[in-house]
Structures are given as C-alpha cells and as structure tokens.
Amino acid sequence: MSTDRAGDRILLEGVSAYGYHGVLADEKRDGQTFVVDVLMHLDAATAGRSDDLHDTVSYAEVAGQVVARITGPSFDLIERLAEVVADDVLDHALVDAVEVVVHKPQAPVGHPFTDVQVRVVRENAPRVVVALGANLGDRGETLAAAVDALRDTDGLTVTRVSPVVETDPVGGPEQPPYLNAVVVGRSTMAPDTLLARLHEIEAEHGRTREIRWGARTLDLDLIAFGAPGSRHEVTSDDPTLTLPHPRAHERAFVLVPWHDADPGARLRVGPGPDGIRSVADLLDGLDATGVRALPGAAPLDGPVAVGEGAS
C-alpha cells in the first residue's frame, strides 16, 4: 500500500473479519472473510514530542471500527464498505486524509485470481450537519430531491442521511405536520458559501419567507460547521449565520433524526470543553413525543451509515 502524499503516516494493514457483503444471495447468507488496510495521514510531531496517546490516533480504536464495519450491516458493494470505513477514520480530527483498501479474496469471480480490492482516498474537511424539513406539497419527494441536490453540490460530500420522521409543528401559525431528516457531510466550502447553497436549493423548491416559522415547501438549516472541539469548528454570533444553530439543542425534530444518522454526534451548547454535549444526552432532557418514526418511508439516500460521531 503506497501513496505519493508527503508527511507523517500511520499504516494499519491486514485487519480481517468475517462479513456478509456482496450482491449475491449466497454471499449475504454464507459470508466470507474481508481484509482492510488503512493508511492515515496526520501530523505526528506533537505525539512524537509528548509520548501521549491523546496527541495521536489510536490504531487499536481504528481497528475496532473497521471490524465493526466488516461484521456489521451488509452492503452490496465493497466500494460502500470502503467509503464508510474512510468516513469513520476521518471522524478522528487529527487525520488529514485516509486511504482505505478493502480486499475480498474469496470473491465469486469465476476464474483463478489472487485478490480483489477496492481502494479509496478521502481528504478530511469540516464536518457539517444540515437539517431538512417540509410540510407542503409532496414532502417526501421534496426531501429526497434536496438530498440529491446536496450530493450534487461541489465541495460537499454527503456521508450520512437519517431516516425520515414526521413531526408536529413548533411555534408559528396552524399548519400541517412536517417531514424532517438530517444530513451529515464534509464541506470544503466556507460556511457562508454553504449557507448560500442551502438557500439556493430552498428557492428551487419554491421556499418563501413571508411568515416566520410558517409552512414551507422546504427548509434547510445549517446546524453545525466543524466537529465541536476540533480545529475545524466554526462558531459565529453573526445574525445572518449563527453557528452552531442557536435553537438546535432544544429541537427534538432535529436531534432525533440526527441521532438516528449518527448516534455518537455532539453539539456545542456553551463555551469551552464543558459546553460540548452529546446529542443523546440532549435528547434525554427533551419531550420528543411530537416526533414520530415512519417505518414504511423510503430511505432518502440508500443505507444509513451508523458511526461513532465526529471527533
């Protein structure tokens, strides 16, 4: 495993486990062994001076994440397995880029072969969280189209999409119930550029702003930019772009789908390290009875990647 990228690296090679990934029915039934290599690019200078594990990435933790992915829910393609492993590794804030190779040595090729492998290279970028809502028109179709638009946005990589929930309106005039979801991704765009893109997608779906908290065809809110406590985190008191979103911590219709997409997610609710709370803990203090799961709803973006949350 090699790369032309310069700098410090940690290589975790040959992590193997038994999984059930593949297109064929017997692959999903019988399973097979998968092997994964992970090459992490990072600045190891601080750890080299301090001799402290907190200043680097624990390869034991990464290995555990890889095994959890291999043994976890089945994917049809090892490209998908490689993608979610890469996303898990990029949750470690110290990692600047990652190269993941997934080997499938028992793949049903039908001819003599030594190995099948998929290799992906992903750069780290600030983790972003976008909340979606709609309560006019074909709500589900609108949310699905919005996710597609986000995926097609240059500079934004969508990594996790929550299941859809239905929620009772909060505040504002009397109006129909909402469908809500949350998208998690990585952005190379600046926060204001990303916000402008969200407003553009809203406008494409007929969003207007005559009545505060009124009914809408589509609502896209930028909840957070950069994992709290990481070097990527952006905080802002600007009225046109307040980060993190000032009311997200008290909105079950945001926190419930966000937790579904990313059970380990965290949100800044105050200054300093003590101001960072897990979404799970925030939900414990909220009344979420107005948020209802929709078991029969079509997924907005294929399989939901369940991870351990951003670092």
Protein backbone atom coordinates (compact mmCIF):
# COMPACT_ATOMS: atom_id res chain seq x y z
CA MET A 1 0.00 0.00 0.00
CA SER A 2 1.56 3.30 -1.04
CA THR A 3 0.75 6.90 -1.85
CA ASP A 4 2.56 9.93 -3.20
CA ARG A 5 1.26 12.16 -0.43
CA ALA A 6 4.07 13.51 1.77
CA GLY A 7 4.03 13.78 5.54
CA ASP A 8 3.56 11.57 8.58
CA ARG A 9 1.53 8.39 8.30
CA ILE A 10 0.09 5.56 10.36
CA LEU A 11 -0.49 2.32 8.48
CA LEU A 12 -2.89 -0.32 9.82
CA GLU A 13 -2.62 -3.29 7.50
CA GLY A 14 -4.46 -6.58 7.20
CA VAL A 15 -7.39 -6.09 9.58
CA SER A 16 -9.60 -9.10 8.87
CA ALA A 17 -13.05 -10.25 9.95
CA TYR A 18 -15.99 -12.25 8.66
CA GLY A 19 -18.77 -10.33 6.94
CA TYR A 20 -21.76 -10.67 4.65
CA HIS A 21 -21.17 -8.06 1.97
CA GLY A 22 -21.95 -8.80 -1.66
CA VAL A 23 -24.61 -8.69 -4.33
CA LEU A 24 -25.27 -12.44 -4.49
CA ALA A 25 -27.73 -14.14 -2.14
CA ASP A 26 -25.21 -16.77 -1.03
CA GLU A 27 -22.70 -14.05 -0.11
CA LYS A 28 -25.26 -12.48 2.20
CA ARG A 29 -26.23 -15.89 3.57
CA ASP A 30 -22.86 -17.61 3.99
CA GLY A 31 -20.47 -14.67 4.33
CA GLN A 32 -16.72 -14.61 3.77
CA THR A 33 -13.51 -13.06 5.08
CA PHE A 34 -12.72 -9.43 4.27
CA VAL A 35 -9.35 -7.75 4.81
CA VAL A 36 -8.91 -3.98 5.19
CA ASP A 37 -5.82 -1.74 5.10
CA VAL A 38 -5.98 1.81 6.45
CA LEU A 39 -3.33 4.44 5.75
CA MET A 40 -3.82 7.61 7.81
CA HIS A 41 -2.07 10.90 7.04
CA LEU A 42 -1.57 13.18 10.02
CA ASP A 43 0.94 15.38 11.82
CA ALA A 44 2.66 13.07 14.31
CA ALA A 45 5.09 15.69 15.61
CA THR A 46 3.13 16.53 18.76
CA ALA A 47 2.79 12.86 19.74
CA GLY A 48 6.47 12.35 18.96
CA ARG A 49 7.36 15.02 21.49
CA SER A 50 4.75 14.29 24.16
CA ASP A 51 4.66 10.46 24.06
CA ASP A 52 0.93 10.85 24.84
CA LEU A 53 -1.76 8.75 23.11
CA HIS A 54 -4.17 11.69 23.24
CA ASP A 55 -1.95 13.50 20.72
CA THR A 56 -2.34 10.85 18.03
CA VAL A 57 -4.86 8.34 16.67
CA SER A 58 -5.26 5.01 18.44
CA TYR A 59 -4.80 2.32 15.81
CA ALA A 60 -6.49 -0.12 18.18
CA GLU A 61 -9.60 2.07 18.11
CA VAL A 62 -9.46 2.30 14.32
CA ALA A 63 -9.09 -1.48 14.07
CA GLY A 64 -12.19 -1.88 16.22
CA GLN A 65 -14.11 0.46 13.94
CA VAL A 66 -13.01 -1.50 10.87
CA VAL A 67 -14.07 -4.82 12.39
CA ALA A 68 -17.43 -3.32 13.39
CA ARG A 69 -17.99 -2.29 9.78
CA ILE A 70 -16.99 -5.65 8.34
CA THR A 71 -19.18 -7.59 10.76
CA GLY A 72 -22.00 -5.03 10.72
CA PRO A 73 -24.93 -4.48 8.35
CA SER A 74 -24.49 -5.95 4.88
CA PHE A 75 -23.59 -3.81 1.88
CA ASP A 76 -23.92 -4.93 -1.73
CA LEU A 77 -20.60 -3.36 -2.77
CA ILE A 78 -17.19 -3.28 -1.16
CA GLU A 79 -16.96 0.26 -2.53
CA ARG A 80 -19.60 1.14 0.07
CA LEU A 81 -17.69 -0.71 2.79
CA ALA A 82 -14.53 1.22 1.90
CA GLU A 83 -16.46 4.51 1.94
CA VAL A 84 -17.93 4.05 5.43
CA VAL A 85 -14.58 2.89 6.83
CA ALA A 86 -12.95 6.02 5.39
CA ASP A 87 -15.66 8.21 6.89
CA ASP A 88 -15.19 6.61 10.31
CA VAL A 89 -11.45 7.28 10.18
CA LEU A 90 -11.99 10.90 9.13
CA ASP A 91 -14.08 11.35 12.26
CA HIS A 92 -10.72 11.43 14.07
CA ALA A 93 -9.95 15.14 13.95
CA LEU A 94 -6.18 14.64 13.72
CA VAL A 95 -6.44 12.70 10.44
CA ASP A 96 -5.87 14.92 7.40
CA ALA A 97 -6.54 12.22 4.79
CA VAL A 98 -7.06 8.47 4.61
CA GLU A 99 -6.54 5.72 2.08
CA VAL A 100 -8.63 2.58 2.59
CA VAL A 101 -8.19 -0.69 0.72
CA VAL A 102 -10.82 -3.42 1.07
CA HIS A 103 -9.71 -6.89 -0.04
CA LYS A 104 -12.22 -9.59 -0.96
CA PRO A 105 -10.01 -12.66 -1.51
CA GLN A 106 -12.95 -15.08 -1.76
CA ALA A 107 -14.99 -13.01 -4.22
CA PRO A 108 -17.11 -15.03 -6.68
CA VAL A 109 -15.02 -14.10 -9.72
CA GLY A 110 -15.50 -17.38 -11.59
CA HIS A 111 -11.85 -17.55 -12.70
CA PRO A 112 -8.50 -18.10 -10.93
CA PHE A 113 -7.37 -14.94 -9.16
CA THR A 114 -5.30 -13.81 -6.19
CA ASP A 115 -7.27 -10.88 -4.79
CA VAL A 116 -9.99 -8.34 -5.48
CA GLN A 117 -9.57 -4.96 -3.87
CA VAL A 118 -11.18 -1.53 -3.87
CA ARG A 119 -9.06 1.46 -2.92
CA VAL A 120 -10.48 4.86 -1.94
CA VAL A 121 -8.64 8.04 -0.94
CA ARG A 122 -10.54 10.70 1.00
CA GLU A 123 -9.43 14.10 2.31
CA ASN A 124 -10.64 15.39 5.65
CA ALA A 125 -12.71 18.55 5.80
CA PRO A 126 -15.00 20.19 8.36
CA ARG A 127 -17.95 18.04 9.38
CA VAL A 128 -21.26 19.76 8.64
CA VAL A 129 -24.81 19.00 9.75
CA VAL A 130 -27.85 20.14 7.74
CA ALA A 131 -31.44 19.74 8.97
CA LEU A 132 -34.18 19.31 6.37
CA GLY A 133 -37.90 19.90 6.77
CA ALA A 134 -41.00 20.18 4.57
CA ASN A 135 -44.73 20.38 5.26
CA LEU A 136 -46.24 21.49 1.93
CA GLY A 137 -46.65 19.52 -1.28
CA ASP A 138 -45.12 16.06 -1.69
CA ARG A 139 -42.95 16.26 1.39
CA GLY A 140 -41.06 13.01 0.91
CA GLU A 141 -40.27 13.71 -2.73
CA THR A 142 -39.07 17.19 -1.82
CA LEU A 143 -36.72 15.91 0.88
CA ALA A 144 -35.33 13.24 -1.47
CA ALA A 145 -34.73 15.87 -4.16
CA ALA A 146 -33.00 18.11 -1.62
CA VAL A 147 -30.65 15.28 -0.61
CA ASP A 148 -29.84 14.70 -4.29
CA ALA A 149 -29.11 18.42 -4.69
CA LEU A 150 -26.80 18.36 -1.68
CA ARG A 151 -25.00 15.33 -3.09
CA ASP A 152 -24.54 17.15 -6.40
CA THR A 153 -23.06 20.22 -4.71
CA ASP A 154 -19.37 20.75 -5.48
CA GLY A 155 -17.38 20.97 -2.26
CA LEU A 156 -19.88 18.98 -0.20
CA THR A 157 -19.60 15.25 0.47
CA VAL A 158 -22.72 13.69 1.97
CA THR A 159 -21.71 10.84 4.26
CA ARG A 160 -24.82 10.05 6.34
CA VAL A 161 -28.54 10.56 5.83
CA SER A 162 -31.07 9.95 8.59
CA PRO A 163 -34.38 8.15 8.27
CA VAL A 164 -37.39 10.42 7.80
CA VAL A 165 -39.51 11.37 10.82
CA GLU A 166 -42.85 13.15 10.97
CA THR A 167 -43.16 15.96 13.49
CA ASP A 168 -45.79 18.28 14.86
CA PRO A 169 -45.18 21.98 14.04
CA VAL A 170 -43.42 24.00 16.74
CA GLY A 171 -44.43 27.66 17.00
CA GLY A 172 -45.90 29.78 14.23
CA PRO A 173 -49.42 29.64 12.78
CA GLU A 174 -51.53 26.50 12.50
CA GLN A 175 -50.07 24.31 9.75
CA PRO A 176 -49.66 20.68 8.59
CA PRO A 177 -47.13 18.29 10.17
CA TYR A 178 -43.58 18.20 8.87
CA LEU A 179 -41.33 15.54 7.49
CA ASN A 180 -37.81 16.02 8.84
CA ALA A 181 -34.40 14.50 8.26
CA VAL A 182 -30.75 15.30 8.87
CA VAL A 183 -27.78 15.09 6.52
CA VAL A 184 -24.19 14.83 7.77
CA GLY A 185 -21.28 15.52 5.47
CA ARG A 186 -17.91 17.18 4.94
CA SER A 187 -17.52 20.58 3.30
CA THR A 188 -14.61 22.31 1.63
CA MET A 189 -16.83 25.37 1.16
CA ALA A 190 -16.79 28.22 3.64
CA PRO A 191 -19.83 28.35 5.96
CA ASP A 192 -21.38 31.37 4.22
CA THR A 193 -20.93 29.74 0.81
CA LEU A 194 -22.60 26.58 2.04
CA LEU A 195 -25.46 28.60 3.54
CA ALA A 196 -25.96 30.37 0.21
CA ARG A 197 -26.16 26.99 -1.50
CA LEU A 198 -28.81 25.83 1.01
CA HIS A 199 -30.88 28.94 0.28
CA GLU A 200 -30.49 28.30 -3.44
CA ILE A 201 -31.86 24.75 -3.07
CA GLU A 202 -34.74 26.08 -0.99
CA ALA A 203 -35.59 28.63 -3.67
CA GLU A 204 -35.57 25.92 -6.34
CA HIS A 205 -38.39 24.29 -4.39
CA GLY A 206 -40.45 27.46 -4.02
CA ARG A 207 -39.42 28.40 -0.48
CA THR A 208 -40.59 31.84 0.63
CA ARG A 209 -40.05 33.67 3.94
CA GLU A 210 -43.10 35.89 4.39
CA ILE A 211 -44.17 34.38 7.73
CA ARG A 212 -41.67 33.43 10.44
CA TRP A 213 -41.99 29.74 11.35
CA GLY A 214 -44.75 29.42 8.77
CA ALA A 215 -45.44 26.47 6.50
CA ARG A 216 -42.83 25.87 3.83
CA THR A 217 -42.10 23.64 0.87
CA LEU A 218 -38.51 23.14 2.05
CA ASP A 219 -36.39 24.29 4.96
CA LEU A 220 -32.63 23.69 5.09
CA ASP A 221 -30.81 24.76 8.26
CA LEU A 222 -27.05 24.66 8.76
CA ILE A 223 -26.84 23.24 12.28
CA ALA A 224 -23.08 22.98 12.82
CA PHE A 225 -19.86 23.51 10.89
CA GLY A 226 -16.86 21.55 12.13
CA ALA A 227 -16.90 18.97 14.90
CA PRO A 228 -17.09 20.69 18.30
CA GLY A 229 -13.67 21.00 19.89
CA SER A 230 -11.82 20.21 16.67
CA ARG A 231 -9.60 22.55 14.67
CA HIS A 232 -12.34 22.68 12.03
CA GLU A 233 -15.03 24.05 14.35
CA VAL A 234 -16.58 27.37 13.36
CA THR A 235 -18.61 29.41 15.86
CA SER A 236 -20.34 32.64 14.93
CA ASP A 237 -22.70 35.18 16.52
CA ASP A 238 -23.48 36.80 13.18
CA PRO A 239 -27.29 37.12 12.90
CA THR A 240 -27.13 36.02 9.26
CA LEU A 241 -25.21 32.84 10.14
CA THR A 242 -25.17 31.83 13.79
CA LEU A 243 -23.10 28.69 14.44
CA PRO A 244 -23.91 26.34 15.87
CA HIS A 245 -27.64 26.84 15.26
CA PRO A 246 -28.88 28.63 18.40
CA ARG A 247 -32.01 26.51 18.86
CA ALA A 248 -30.86 23.10 17.61
CA HIS A 249 -30.20 21.81 21.12
CA GLU A 250 -33.86 22.22 22.06
CA ARG A 251 -35.43 20.88 18.88
CA ALA A 252 -36.36 17.21 19.00
CA PHE A 253 -37.20 17.29 15.30
CA VAL A 254 -33.51 17.99 14.65
CA LEU A 255 -31.94 15.86 17.37
CA VAL A 256 -33.99 12.68 16.82
CA PRO A 257 -33.07 12.17 13.14
CA TRP A 258 -29.52 13.42 13.77
CA HIS A 259 -29.07 10.79 16.47
CA ASP A 260 -30.52 8.16 14.13
CA ALA A 261 -27.91 9.03 11.49
CA ASP A 262 -25.00 9.49 13.91
CA PRO A 263 -25.53 8.05 17.40
CA GLY A 264 -22.24 9.49 18.68
CA ALA A 265 -22.89 13.05 17.47
CA ARG A 266 -22.05 16.02 19.69
CA LEU A 267 -23.19 19.63 19.68
CA ARG A 268 -21.76 22.76 21.27
CA VAL A 269 -24.28 24.40 23.60
CA GLY A 270 -21.88 26.65 25.52
CA PRO A 271 -18.26 27.86 25.70
CA GLY A 272 -15.26 25.68 26.36
CA PRO A 273 -14.96 21.89 26.62
CA ASP A 274 -17.81 21.74 29.16
CA GLY A 275 -20.12 23.32 26.58
CA ILE A 276 -20.00 20.27 24.31
CA ARG A 277 -22.84 17.79 24.85
CA SER A 278 -23.74 14.55 23.15
CA VAL A 279 -26.93 14.61 21.11
CA ALA A 280 -28.07 11.54 23.07
CA ASP A 281 -27.78 13.44 26.36
CA LEU A 282 -29.60 16.44 24.92
CA LEU A 283 -32.45 14.20 23.80
CA ASP A 284 -32.79 12.77 27.30
CA GLY A 285 -33.90 16.20 28.50
CA LEU A 286 -36.43 16.84 25.75
CA ASP A 287 -40.03 15.86 25.13
CA ALA A 288 -39.85 14.03 21.80
CA THR A 289 -43.44 12.79 21.74
CA GLY A 290 -44.20 15.06 18.78
CA VAL A 291 -41.62 13.24 16.65
CA ARG A 292 -42.84 10.03 15.03
CA ALA A 293 -40.87 7.41 13.14
CA LEU A 294 -42.12 6.46 9.68
CA PRO A 295 -41.15 2.78 9.35
CA GLY A 296 -42.58 2.49 5.84
CA ALA A 297 -40.91 5.60 4.46
CA ALA A 298 -38.50 5.13 1.59
CA PRO A 299 -34.89 5.94 2.53
CA LEU A 300 -33.70 9.29 1.24
CA ASP A 301 -30.23 8.14 0.32
CA GLY A 302 -29.77 4.38 0.49
CA PRO A 303 -28.20 2.72 3.53
CA VAL A 304 -27.66 4.94 6.54
CA ALA A 305 -24.08 4.87 7.79
CA VAL A 306 -24.10 4.44 11.55
CA GLY A 307 -20.89 5.73 13.13
CA GLU A 308 -19.43 6.79 16.43
CA GLY A 309 -19.72 10.52 15.93
CA ALA A 310 -17.34 13.24 14.94
CA SER A 311 -14.17 13.97 16.85
